[in-house]
Amino acid sequence: MPKKPVRKKKPDEDAELIEAINSGQHTLFYDLVKRYEQKLYNFGFRFCQDVRDAEDLVQETFLNVFRYLKDFRYETKFKNWLFKIASSVCIKKRRKSKFAPEKELSLEDFLPDETQIPQRLPNWATAPLEQLLSEELSDRLRKAILSLPEKYRIVILLRDMEGFSTDETAQILNVTPANVKVRLHRARLALREKLKDYYEHEA
């Protein structure tokens, strides 16, 4: 009976570069920075909505990466490890920012009472979030994401904006996949509640 082919793990496109840096070719670290600095900046700005905080996030993240790169374990993707560091820096940075609210609203401030939620949701409410990103909606959506509590905001950024899987997001945030699913579901509901008036007007 023929054996089933072993499914090979998708190689990390950054592994070769990291191995070269760790072997002593430290000038290649700048290539790693160029590869991810814009993605990290975008992530930081979406989370904090402050240019200086986003720039500091990039700098602090890469300083940590440079310091601990020799400890990187190749069983995980470098990008996942990078965003794990960035997420930790981002939350700390946001809490210290002068733009951070004195008291974060709870998710219940965005969602209607359960008795008011219709059993059958309209089509727009079940569409993937990326389909809501028209030019007209982008500013409203940006503000809505910023108003979410941190733990919901960072999940929706990692899942819907950065494209990480549920398992990868769980690994980055040190939570269970089930926890990620719950937070993502609640965050999406909160955002769609914020956008409800727009879509009802369009309909």
N, C-alpha and C. Protein backbone atom coordinates (compact mmCIF):
# COMPACT_ATOMS: atom_id res chain seq x y z
N MET A 1 0.85 -1.20 0.00
CA MET A 1 0.00 0.00 0.00
C MET A 1 0.88 1.25 0.00
N PRO A 2 0.72 2.11 -0.97
CA PRO A 2 1.59 3.29 -1.05
C PRO A 2 1.37 4.24 0.12
N LYS A 3 2.47 4.82 0.58
CA LYS A 3 2.37 5.77 1.67
C LYS A 3 1.85 7.11 1.17
N LYS A 4 1.09 7.77 2.04
CA LYS A 4 0.61 9.10 1.69
C LYS A 4 1.77 10.08 1.69
N PRO A 5 1.81 10.97 0.73
CA PRO A 5 2.92 11.93 0.70
C PRO A 5 2.90 12.85 1.92
N VAL A 6 4.07 13.09 2.46
CA VAL A 6 4.17 13.97 3.62
C VAL A 6 3.98 15.41 3.18
N ARG A 7 3.07 16.09 3.83
CA ARG A 7 2.79 17.49 3.48
C ARG A 7 3.87 18.38 4.08
N LYS A 8 4.68 18.96 3.20
CA LYS A 8 5.77 19.77 3.67
C LYS A 8 5.28 21.12 4.18
N LYS A 9 5.89 21.57 5.26
CA LYS A 9 5.58 22.88 5.80
C LYS A 9 6.10 23.96 4.86
N LYS A 10 5.28 24.96 4.62
CA LYS A 10 5.68 26.04 3.72
C LYS A 10 6.90 26.75 4.29
N PRO A 11 7.97 26.85 3.50
CA PRO A 11 9.21 27.46 4.02
C PRO A 11 9.01 28.94 4.34
N ASP A 12 9.71 29.38 5.36
CA ASP A 12 9.68 30.78 5.74
C ASP A 12 10.60 31.55 4.79
N GLU A 13 10.04 32.49 4.06
CA GLU A 13 10.82 33.23 3.06
C GLU A 13 11.91 34.09 3.70
N ASP A 14 11.81 34.30 5.02
CA ASP A 14 12.81 35.12 5.71
C ASP A 14 13.92 34.29 6.33
N ALA A 15 13.77 32.96 6.39
CA ALA A 15 14.70 32.11 7.12
C ALA A 15 16.14 32.24 6.62
N GLU A 16 16.30 32.24 5.30
CA GLU A 16 17.65 32.32 4.73
C GLU A 16 18.34 33.63 5.10
N LEU A 17 17.57 34.70 5.05
CA LEU A 17 18.13 36.01 5.41
C LEU A 17 18.51 36.05 6.88
N ILE A 18 17.68 35.49 7.73
CA ILE A 18 17.95 35.48 9.17
C ILE A 18 19.19 34.65 9.48
N GLU A 19 19.30 33.51 8.82
CA GLU A 19 20.48 32.65 9.02
C GLU A 19 21.75 33.39 8.63
N ALA A 20 21.69 34.15 7.55
CA ALA A 20 22.86 34.91 7.10
C ALA A 20 23.23 35.99 8.11
N ILE A 21 22.23 36.67 8.65
CA ILE A 21 22.48 37.72 9.65
C ILE A 21 23.09 37.10 10.90
N ASN A 22 22.52 35.99 11.34
CA ASN A 22 23.02 35.34 12.55
C ASN A 22 24.39 34.70 12.37
N SER A 23 24.78 34.47 11.12
CA SER A 23 26.10 33.90 10.86
C SER A 23 27.19 34.97 10.81
N GLY A 24 26.77 36.24 10.97
CA GLY A 24 27.75 37.32 11.03
C GLY A 24 27.59 38.40 9.99
N GLN A 25 26.68 38.22 9.03
CA GLN A 25 26.48 39.24 7.99
C GLN A 25 25.46 40.28 8.48
N HIS A 26 25.89 41.06 9.45
CA HIS A 26 24.97 41.97 10.14
C HIS A 26 24.45 43.10 9.24
N THR A 27 25.15 43.42 8.18
CA THR A 27 24.69 44.48 7.28
C THR A 27 23.39 44.10 6.58
N LEU A 28 23.10 42.80 6.53
CA LEU A 28 21.86 42.34 5.90
C LEU A 28 20.63 42.64 6.74
N PHE A 29 20.87 43.04 7.99
CA PHE A 29 19.72 43.36 8.85
C PHE A 29 18.89 44.49 8.25
N TYR A 30 19.55 45.40 7.54
CA TYR A 30 18.83 46.50 6.91
C TYR A 30 17.85 45.99 5.86
N ASP A 31 18.19 44.87 5.20
CA ASP A 31 17.26 44.27 4.23
C ASP A 31 16.00 43.79 4.92
N LEU A 32 16.17 43.26 6.12
CA LEU A 32 15.02 42.81 6.91
C LEU A 32 14.16 44.01 7.31
N VAL A 33 14.81 45.10 7.68
CA VAL A 33 14.08 46.32 8.05
C VAL A 33 13.28 46.83 6.85
N LYS A 34 13.93 46.91 5.69
CA LYS A 34 13.24 47.41 4.48
C LYS A 34 12.03 46.54 4.12
N ARG A 35 12.15 45.25 4.40
CA ARG A 35 11.09 44.32 4.04
C ARG A 35 9.83 44.53 4.87
N TYR A 36 10.00 44.99 6.12
CA TYR A 36 8.84 45.03 7.02
C TYR A 36 8.54 46.39 7.64
N GLU A 37 9.37 47.39 7.43
CA GLU A 37 9.17 48.65 8.14
C GLU A 37 7.84 49.32 7.78
N GLN A 38 7.44 49.27 6.51
CA GLN A 38 6.19 49.90 6.11
C GLN A 38 4.98 49.16 6.68
N LYS A 39 5.05 47.82 6.68
CA LYS A 39 3.96 47.03 7.25
C LYS A 39 3.80 47.30 8.74
N LEU A 40 4.93 47.39 9.44
CA LEU A 40 4.87 47.68 10.87
C LEU A 40 4.35 49.09 11.14
N TYR A 41 4.78 50.03 10.30
CA TYR A 41 4.29 51.40 10.47
C TYR A 41 2.77 51.46 10.27
N ASN A 42 2.28 50.82 9.23
CA ASN A 42 0.84 50.81 8.96
C ASN A 42 0.07 50.19 10.12
N PHE A 43 0.60 49.08 10.63
CA PHE A 43 -0.01 48.39 11.77
C PHE A 43 -0.05 49.31 12.99
N GLY A 44 1.07 49.96 13.27
CA GLY A 44 1.14 50.85 14.43
C GLY A 44 0.23 52.05 14.30
N PHE A 45 0.16 52.61 13.10
CA PHE A 45 -0.69 53.78 12.91
C PHE A 45 -2.17 53.42 13.03
N ARG A 46 -2.56 52.26 12.49
CA ARG A 46 -3.95 51.83 12.62
C ARG A 46 -4.33 51.61 14.08
N PHE A 47 -3.37 51.13 14.85
CA PHE A 47 -3.68 50.85 16.26
C PHE A 47 -3.69 52.12 17.10
N CYS A 48 -2.72 53.03 16.85
CA CYS A 48 -2.55 54.21 17.71
C CYS A 48 -3.10 55.50 17.11
N GLN A 49 -3.17 55.55 15.76
CA GLN A 49 -3.59 56.77 15.07
C GLN A 49 -2.72 57.96 15.42
N ASP A 50 -1.44 57.71 15.64
CA ASP A 50 -0.50 58.79 15.92
C ASP A 50 0.80 58.48 15.19
N VAL A 51 1.26 59.42 14.38
CA VAL A 51 2.45 59.21 13.55
C VAL A 51 3.67 58.92 14.40
N ARG A 52 3.86 59.71 15.46
CA ARG A 52 5.06 59.54 16.29
C ARG A 52 5.05 58.18 16.98
N ASP A 53 3.89 57.78 17.49
CA ASP A 53 3.80 56.46 18.14
C ASP A 53 4.09 55.34 17.14
N ALA A 54 3.59 55.50 15.91
CA ALA A 54 3.81 54.47 14.89
C ALA A 54 5.30 54.39 14.52
N GLU A 55 5.95 55.56 14.42
CA GLU A 55 7.39 55.57 14.11
C GLU A 55 8.19 54.95 15.25
N ASP A 56 7.81 55.28 16.49
CA ASP A 56 8.49 54.70 17.65
C ASP A 56 8.29 53.19 17.70
N LEU A 57 7.10 52.76 17.32
CA LEU A 57 6.82 51.32 17.30
C LEU A 57 7.78 50.59 16.37
N VAL A 58 7.98 51.14 15.18
CA VAL A 58 8.89 50.51 14.21
C VAL A 58 10.29 50.44 14.78
N GLN A 59 10.75 51.55 15.34
CA GLN A 59 12.11 51.60 15.87
C GLN A 59 12.29 50.62 17.03
N GLU A 60 11.38 50.63 18.00
CA GLU A 60 11.49 49.76 19.17
C GLU A 60 11.37 48.29 18.79
N THR A 61 10.50 48.00 17.83
CA THR A 61 10.33 46.61 17.40
C THR A 61 11.62 46.08 16.79
N PHE A 62 12.22 46.85 15.90
CA PHE A 62 13.45 46.39 15.25
C PHE A 62 14.64 46.35 16.21
N LEU A 63 14.65 47.23 17.20
CA LEU A 63 15.69 47.16 18.22
C LEU A 63 15.58 45.83 18.98
N ASN A 64 14.37 45.45 19.31
CA ASN A 64 14.15 44.17 20.00
C ASN A 64 14.48 42.99 19.11
N VAL A 65 14.12 43.10 17.83
CA VAL A 65 14.43 42.03 16.88
C VAL A 65 15.95 41.86 16.77
N PHE A 66 16.67 42.95 16.64
CA PHE A 66 18.13 42.88 16.54
C PHE A 66 18.74 42.26 17.79
N ARG A 67 18.18 42.62 18.94
CA ARG A 67 18.72 42.13 20.22
C ARG A 67 18.49 40.63 20.39
N TYR A 68 17.34 40.14 19.92
CA TYR A 68 16.97 38.75 20.21
C TYR A 68 16.93 37.85 18.97
N LEU A 69 17.44 38.32 17.85
CA LEU A 69 17.33 37.54 16.61
C LEU A 69 18.04 36.18 16.72
N LYS A 70 19.12 36.11 17.48
CA LYS A 70 19.83 34.85 17.63
C LYS A 70 18.99 33.80 18.36
N ASP A 71 17.98 34.26 19.10
CA ASP A 71 17.10 33.34 19.83
C ASP A 71 15.89 32.92 19.00
N PHE A 72 15.79 33.43 17.78
CA PHE A 72 14.63 33.10 16.94
C PHE A 72 14.60 31.61 16.64
N ARG A 73 13.42 31.01 16.82
CA ARG A 73 13.23 29.59 16.56
C ARG A 73 12.54 29.43 15.22
N TYR A 74 13.11 28.62 14.40
CA TYR A 74 12.66 28.54 13.01
C TYR A 74 11.38 27.71 12.83
N GLU A 75 10.82 27.17 13.93
CA GLU A 75 9.56 26.42 13.76
C GLU A 75 8.36 27.35 13.57
N THR A 76 8.56 28.63 13.82
CA THR A 76 7.51 29.61 13.55
C THR A 76 7.99 30.57 12.47
N LYS A 77 7.07 31.21 11.77
CA LYS A 77 7.45 32.18 10.75
C LYS A 77 8.03 33.43 11.41
N PHE A 78 9.02 34.01 10.77
CA PHE A 78 9.60 35.23 11.30
C PHE A 78 8.57 36.33 11.40
N LYS A 79 7.69 36.44 10.39
CA LYS A 79 6.68 37.49 10.41
C LYS A 79 5.79 37.38 11.64
N ASN A 80 5.44 36.16 12.01
CA ASN A 80 4.61 35.96 13.21
C ASN A 80 5.35 36.42 14.46
N TRP A 81 6.63 36.05 14.53
CA TRP A 81 7.47 36.45 15.67
C TRP A 81 7.62 37.96 15.71
N LEU A 82 7.81 38.57 14.55
CA LEU A 82 7.95 40.02 14.45
C LEU A 82 6.71 40.74 14.95
N PHE A 83 5.54 40.28 14.51
CA PHE A 83 4.30 40.94 14.93
C PHE A 83 3.95 40.64 16.38
N LYS A 84 4.47 39.56 16.91
CA LYS A 84 4.30 39.28 18.34
C LYS A 84 5.03 40.35 19.16
N ILE A 85 6.25 40.66 18.73
CA ILE A 85 7.02 41.73 19.38
C ILE A 85 6.33 43.07 19.17
N ALA A 86 5.91 43.34 17.93
CA ALA A 86 5.27 44.61 17.61
C ALA A 86 3.97 44.82 18.39
N SER A 87 3.20 43.76 18.54
CA SER A 87 1.93 43.86 19.27
C SER A 87 2.16 44.23 20.73
N SER A 88 3.18 43.63 21.32
CA SER A 88 3.52 43.94 22.71
C SER A 88 3.97 45.39 22.84
N VAL A 89 4.83 45.83 21.93
CA VAL A 89 5.30 47.22 21.94
C VAL A 89 4.14 48.18 21.69
N CYS A 90 3.26 47.80 20.78
CA CYS A 90 2.14 48.65 20.39
C CYS A 90 1.20 48.92 21.56
N ILE A 91 0.88 47.88 22.31
CA ILE A 91 -0.03 48.04 23.44
C ILE A 91 0.60 48.92 24.52
N LYS A 92 1.88 48.70 24.79
CA LYS A 92 2.58 49.53 25.78
C LYS A 92 2.63 50.97 25.33
N LYS A 93 2.93 51.17 24.04
CA LYS A 93 3.02 52.51 23.48
C LYS A 93 1.68 53.23 23.54
N ARG A 94 0.62 52.51 23.21
CA ARG A 94 -0.71 53.11 23.21
C ARG A 94 -1.11 53.54 24.62
N ARG A 95 -0.78 52.75 25.60
CA ARG A 95 -1.17 53.06 26.98
C ARG A 95 -0.43 54.28 27.52
N LYS A 96 0.76 54.54 26.96
CA LYS A 96 1.55 55.69 27.40
C LYS A 96 1.24 56.94 26.58
N SER A 97 0.54 56.79 25.46
CA SER A 97 0.31 57.90 24.55
C SER A 97 -0.62 58.94 25.16
N LYS A 98 -0.35 60.20 24.87
CA LYS A 98 -1.22 61.28 25.34
C LYS A 98 -2.57 61.25 24.63
N PHE A 99 -2.64 60.49 23.52
CA PHE A 99 -3.89 60.38 22.77
C PHE A 99 -4.77 59.25 23.27
N ALA A 100 -4.23 58.44 24.19
CA ALA A 100 -5.02 57.32 24.70
C ALA A 100 -6.14 57.86 25.58
N PRO A 101 -7.34 57.29 25.48
CA PRO A 101 -8.44 57.77 26.31
C PRO A 101 -8.19 57.46 27.78
N GLU A 102 -8.71 58.32 28.66
CA GLU A 102 -8.53 58.08 30.10
C GLU A 102 -9.20 56.78 30.52
N LYS A 103 -10.33 56.49 29.92
CA LYS A 103 -11.04 55.26 30.24
C LYS A 103 -11.57 54.67 28.94
N GLU A 104 -11.17 53.44 28.66
CA GLU A 104 -11.64 52.81 27.44
C GLU A 104 -13.08 52.36 27.59
N LEU A 105 -13.85 52.57 26.54
CA LEU A 105 -15.22 52.10 26.54
C LEU A 105 -15.25 50.59 26.43
N SER A 106 -16.28 49.98 26.97
CA SER A 106 -16.44 48.54 26.82
C SER A 106 -17.11 48.25 25.49
N LEU A 107 -17.03 47.00 25.07
CA LEU A 107 -17.63 46.65 23.79
C LEU A 107 -19.14 46.83 23.83
N GLU A 108 -19.72 46.71 25.01
CA GLU A 108 -21.17 46.86 25.14
C GLU A 108 -21.64 48.26 24.77
N ASP A 109 -20.71 49.23 24.80
CA ASP A 109 -21.08 50.60 24.42
C ASP A 109 -21.34 50.72 22.92
N PHE A 110 -20.88 49.74 22.16
CA PHE A 110 -21.03 49.78 20.71
C PHE A 110 -22.16 48.89 20.21
N LEU A 111 -22.47 47.86 20.96
CA LEU A 111 -23.45 46.88 20.51
C LEU A 111 -24.82 47.15 21.12
N PRO A 112 -25.87 46.89 20.38
CA PRO A 112 -27.22 47.05 20.94
C PRO A 112 -27.51 45.91 21.91
N ASP A 113 -28.60 46.06 22.67
CA ASP A 113 -29.02 44.97 23.54
C ASP A 113 -29.31 43.74 22.70
N GLU A 114 -29.09 42.55 23.29
CA GLU A 114 -29.31 41.31 22.55
C GLU A 114 -30.74 41.21 22.04
N THR A 115 -31.68 41.80 22.79
CA THR A 115 -33.09 41.74 22.37
C THR A 115 -33.35 42.58 21.13
N GLN A 116 -32.41 43.51 20.84
CA GLN A 116 -32.59 44.38 19.69
C GLN A 116 -31.88 43.87 18.44
N ILE A 117 -31.08 42.81 18.60
CA ILE A 117 -30.35 42.26 17.47
C ILE A 117 -31.27 41.35 16.67
N PRO A 118 -31.49 41.63 15.39
CA PRO A 118 -32.38 40.78 14.59
C PRO A 118 -31.80 39.38 14.42
N GLN A 119 -32.69 38.41 14.35
CA GLN A 119 -32.24 37.03 14.18
C GLN A 119 -31.58 36.83 12.81
N ARG A 120 -32.07 37.54 11.80
CA ARG A 120 -31.52 37.44 10.46
C ARG A 120 -30.79 38.73 10.14
N LEU A 121 -29.50 38.64 9.90
CA LEU A 121 -28.71 39.83 9.64
C LEU A 121 -28.80 40.22 8.18
N PRO A 122 -28.73 41.53 7.88
CA PRO A 122 -28.73 41.96 6.47
C PRO A 122 -27.45 41.52 5.78
N ASN A 123 -27.45 41.54 4.45
CA ASN A 123 -26.31 41.06 3.68
C ASN A 123 -25.02 41.79 4.02
N TRP A 124 -25.08 43.11 4.22
CA TRP A 124 -23.86 43.86 4.48
C TRP A 124 -23.21 43.45 5.79
N ALA A 125 -24.02 42.99 6.74
CA ALA A 125 -23.50 42.65 8.06
C ALA A 125 -22.74 41.33 8.07
N THR A 126 -22.92 40.52 7.04
CA THR A 126 -22.22 39.24 6.99
C THR A 126 -21.09 39.25 5.97
N ALA A 127 -20.87 40.37 5.32
CA ALA A 127 -19.79 40.47 4.32
C ALA A 127 -18.44 40.55 5.01
N PRO A 128 -17.38 40.00 4.39
CA PRO A 128 -16.04 40.14 4.95
C PRO A 128 -15.68 41.61 5.12
N LEU A 129 -14.95 41.91 6.16
CA LEU A 129 -14.65 43.30 6.49
C LEU A 129 -13.92 44.02 5.36
N GLU A 130 -13.03 43.29 4.64
CA GLU A 130 -12.27 43.96 3.59
C GLU A 130 -13.16 44.48 2.48
N GLN A 131 -14.36 43.93 2.35
CA GLN A 131 -15.28 44.42 1.32
C GLN A 131 -15.92 45.74 1.72
N LEU A 132 -15.75 46.13 2.97
CA LEU A 132 -16.32 47.38 3.44
C LEU A 132 -15.36 48.56 3.25
N LEU A 133 -14.16 48.27 2.75
CA LEU A 133 -13.12 49.29 2.71
C LEU A 133 -13.16 50.16 1.46
N SER A 134 -14.28 50.74 1.16
CA SER A 134 -14.35 51.70 0.07
C SER A 134 -13.76 53.02 0.55
N GLU A 135 -13.45 53.89 -0.40
CA GLU A 135 -12.84 55.17 -0.03
C GLU A 135 -13.75 55.98 0.88
N GLU A 136 -15.03 55.94 0.61
CA GLU A 136 -15.99 56.72 1.39
C GLU A 136 -16.08 56.24 2.83
N LEU A 137 -15.85 54.94 3.02
CA LEU A 137 -15.99 54.36 4.34
C LEU A 137 -14.70 54.32 5.15
N SER A 138 -13.56 54.51 4.50
CA SER A 138 -12.28 54.25 5.15
C SER A 138 -12.08 55.10 6.41
N ASP A 139 -12.43 56.37 6.36
CA ASP A 139 -12.23 57.24 7.52
C ASP A 139 -13.14 56.84 8.67
N ARG A 140 -14.39 56.53 8.34
CA ARG A 140 -15.33 56.12 9.38
C ARG A 140 -14.90 54.80 10.02
N LEU A 141 -14.43 53.89 9.18
CA LEU A 141 -13.99 52.60 9.68
C LEU A 141 -12.73 52.75 10.54
N ARG A 142 -11.82 53.61 10.09
CA ARG A 142 -10.60 53.86 10.86
C ARG A 142 -10.92 54.36 12.27
N LYS A 143 -11.85 55.30 12.36
CA LYS A 143 -12.23 55.85 13.66
C LYS A 143 -12.95 54.80 14.51
N ALA A 144 -13.77 53.98 13.85
CA ALA A 144 -14.49 52.94 14.57
C ALA A 144 -13.53 51.90 15.16
N ILE A 145 -12.51 51.53 14.38
CA ILE A 145 -11.52 50.56 14.88
C ILE A 145 -10.76 51.15 16.06
N LEU A 146 -10.37 52.42 15.96
CA LEU A 146 -9.63 53.06 17.04
C LEU A 146 -10.45 53.12 18.33
N SER A 147 -11.77 53.21 18.19
CA SER A 147 -12.63 53.33 19.38
C SER A 147 -12.86 52.00 20.09
N LEU A 148 -12.48 50.89 19.44
CA LEU A 148 -12.65 49.58 20.07
C LEU A 148 -11.70 49.41 21.25
N PRO A 149 -12.09 48.66 22.27
CA PRO A 149 -11.14 48.30 23.32
C PRO A 149 -9.93 47.60 22.73
N GLU A 150 -8.78 47.74 23.36
CA GLU A 150 -7.51 47.26 22.80
C GLU A 150 -7.55 45.80 22.37
N LYS A 151 -8.09 44.93 23.23
CA LYS A 151 -8.01 43.50 22.94
C LYS A 151 -8.83 43.12 21.71
N TYR A 152 -9.87 43.89 21.41
CA TYR A 152 -10.66 43.64 20.21
C TYR A 152 -10.02 44.32 18.99
N ARG A 153 -9.48 45.50 19.22
CA ARG A 153 -8.87 46.25 18.13
C ARG A 153 -7.68 45.50 17.54
N ILE A 154 -6.82 44.97 18.40
CA ILE A 154 -5.61 44.32 17.90
C ILE A 154 -5.94 43.01 17.18
N VAL A 155 -6.99 42.32 17.63
CA VAL A 155 -7.40 41.08 16.96
C VAL A 155 -7.91 41.37 15.55
N ILE A 156 -8.74 42.39 15.41
CA ILE A 156 -9.29 42.68 14.09
C ILE A 156 -8.22 43.23 13.15
N LEU A 157 -7.23 43.93 13.68
CA LEU A 157 -6.13 44.39 12.84
C LEU A 157 -5.28 43.22 12.35
N LEU A 158 -4.96 42.30 13.25
CA LEU A 158 -4.13 41.15 12.87
C LEU A 158 -4.87 40.23 11.91
N ARG A 159 -6.15 39.97 12.17
CA ARG A 159 -6.91 39.02 11.34
C ARG A 159 -7.37 39.64 10.03
N ASP A 160 -8.04 40.78 10.10
CA ASP A 160 -8.69 41.34 8.92
C ASP A 160 -7.81 42.29 8.12
N MET A 161 -6.84 42.91 8.77
CA MET A 161 -5.99 43.86 8.07
C MET A 161 -4.65 43.25 7.68
N GLU A 162 -4.04 42.50 8.58
CA GLU A 162 -2.72 41.93 8.32
C GLU A 162 -2.80 40.53 7.71
N GLY A 163 -3.97 39.89 7.79
CA GLY A 163 -4.16 38.61 7.13
C GLY A 163 -3.63 37.39 7.87
N PHE A 164 -3.36 37.51 9.17
CA PHE A 164 -2.93 36.35 9.94
C PHE A 164 -4.11 35.41 10.16
N SER A 165 -3.82 34.13 10.23
CA SER A 165 -4.87 33.14 10.50
C SER A 165 -5.27 33.21 11.98
N THR A 166 -6.33 32.50 12.32
CA THR A 166 -6.77 32.46 13.72
C THR A 166 -5.67 31.89 14.60
N ASP A 167 -5.05 30.78 14.18
CA ASP A 167 -3.99 30.16 14.98
C ASP A 167 -2.78 31.08 15.10
N GLU A 168 -2.42 31.75 14.02
CA GLU A 168 -1.28 32.67 14.07
C GLU A 168 -1.56 33.84 15.00
N THR A 169 -2.76 34.38 14.93
CA THR A 169 -3.13 35.49 15.81
C THR A 169 -3.09 35.06 17.26
N ALA A 170 -3.57 33.85 17.53
CA ALA A 170 -3.54 33.31 18.89
C ALA A 170 -2.10 33.20 19.39
N GLN A 171 -1.23 32.76 18.52
CA GLN A 171 0.19 32.62 18.88
C GLN A 171 0.82 33.98 19.15
N ILE A 172 0.51 34.95 18.32
CA ILE A 172 1.06 36.30 18.48
C ILE A 172 0.63 36.93 19.80
N LEU A 173 -0.64 36.72 20.17
CA LEU A 173 -1.21 37.37 21.34
C LEU A 173 -1.17 36.52 22.61
N ASN A 174 -0.69 35.28 22.47
CA ASN A 174 -0.64 34.36 23.62
C ASN A 174 -2.04 34.10 24.20
N VAL A 175 -3.00 33.88 23.33
CA VAL A 175 -4.35 33.51 23.75
C VAL A 175 -4.75 32.26 22.96
N THR A 176 -5.89 31.69 23.29
CA THR A 176 -6.34 30.50 22.58
C THR A 176 -7.01 30.89 21.26
N PRO A 177 -7.02 29.98 20.27
CA PRO A 177 -7.75 30.26 19.03
C PRO A 177 -9.22 30.56 19.27
N ALA A 178 -9.82 29.87 20.24
CA ALA A 178 -11.23 30.12 20.56
C ALA A 178 -11.42 31.55 21.04
N ASN A 179 -10.46 32.03 21.82
CA ASN A 179 -10.52 33.40 22.32
C ASN A 179 -10.43 34.39 21.17
N VAL A 180 -9.55 34.11 20.21
CA VAL A 180 -9.42 34.97 19.03
C VAL A 180 -10.74 35.02 18.27
N LYS A 181 -11.38 33.87 18.08
CA LYS A 181 -12.64 33.82 17.33
C LYS A 181 -13.72 34.64 18.02
N VAL A 182 -13.79 34.54 19.33
CA VAL A 182 -14.80 35.28 20.09
C VAL A 182 -14.55 36.79 19.98
N ARG A 183 -13.31 37.19 20.17
CA ARG A 183 -12.98 38.62 20.10
C ARG A 183 -13.20 39.18 18.70
N LEU A 184 -12.83 38.39 17.69
CA LEU A 184 -13.01 38.84 16.31
C LEU A 184 -14.50 38.99 15.99
N HIS A 185 -15.29 38.03 16.41
CA HIS A 185 -16.74 38.10 16.16
C HIS A 185 -17.34 39.33 16.82
N ARG A 186 -16.98 39.58 18.06
CA ARG A 186 -17.53 40.73 18.78
C ARG A 186 -17.05 42.05 18.17
N ALA A 187 -15.78 42.07 17.77
CA ALA A 187 -15.24 43.30 17.16
C ALA A 187 -15.94 43.60 15.84
N ARG A 188 -16.16 42.57 15.04
CA ARG A 188 -16.84 42.78 13.76
C ARG A 188 -18.27 43.26 13.97
N LEU A 189 -18.95 42.69 14.94
CA LEU A 189 -20.31 43.14 15.24
C LEU A 189 -20.31 44.60 15.66
N ALA A 190 -19.34 44.98 16.50
CA ALA A 190 -19.26 46.36 16.97
C ALA A 190 -19.01 47.32 15.81
N LEU A 191 -18.11 46.95 14.90
CA LEU A 191 -17.81 47.81 13.77
C LEU A 191 -19.01 47.92 12.83
N ARG A 192 -19.68 46.82 12.62
CA ARG A 192 -20.84 46.86 11.72
C ARG A 192 -22.00 47.64 12.35
N GLU A 193 -22.07 47.63 13.67
CA GLU A 193 -23.07 48.46 14.33
C GLU A 193 -22.76 49.93 14.09
N LYS A 194 -21.47 50.26 14.11
CA LYS A 194 -21.05 51.63 13.84
C LYS A 194 -21.37 52.04 12.40
N LEU A 195 -21.30 51.08 11.48
CA LEU A 195 -21.50 51.37 10.06
C LEU A 195 -22.94 51.14 9.60
N LYS A 196 -23.79 50.72 10.50
CA LYS A 196 -25.15 50.34 10.16
C LYS A 196 -25.91 51.48 9.48
N ASP A 197 -25.80 52.67 10.03
CA ASP A 197 -26.55 53.81 9.47
C ASP A 197 -26.17 54.07 8.03
N TYR A 198 -24.87 53.93 7.72
CA TYR A 198 -24.41 54.16 6.36
C TYR A 198 -25.05 53.17 5.40
N TYR A 199 -25.01 51.88 5.77
CA TYR A 199 -25.50 50.84 4.88
C TYR A 199 -27.02 50.89 4.75
N GLU A 200 -27.70 51.24 5.82
CA GLU A 200 -29.16 51.36 5.74
C GLU A 200 -29.54 52.53 4.83
N HIS A 201 -28.73 53.59 4.89
CA HIS A 201 -28.98 54.75 4.01
C HIS A 201 -28.75 54.37 2.55
N GLU A 202 -27.66 53.61 2.30
CA GLU A 202 -27.35 53.18 0.94
C GLU A 202 -28.43 52.26 0.38
N ALA A 203 -28.97 51.41 1.26
CA ALA A 203 -30.02 50.48 0.81
C ALA A 203 -31.28 51.23 0.44
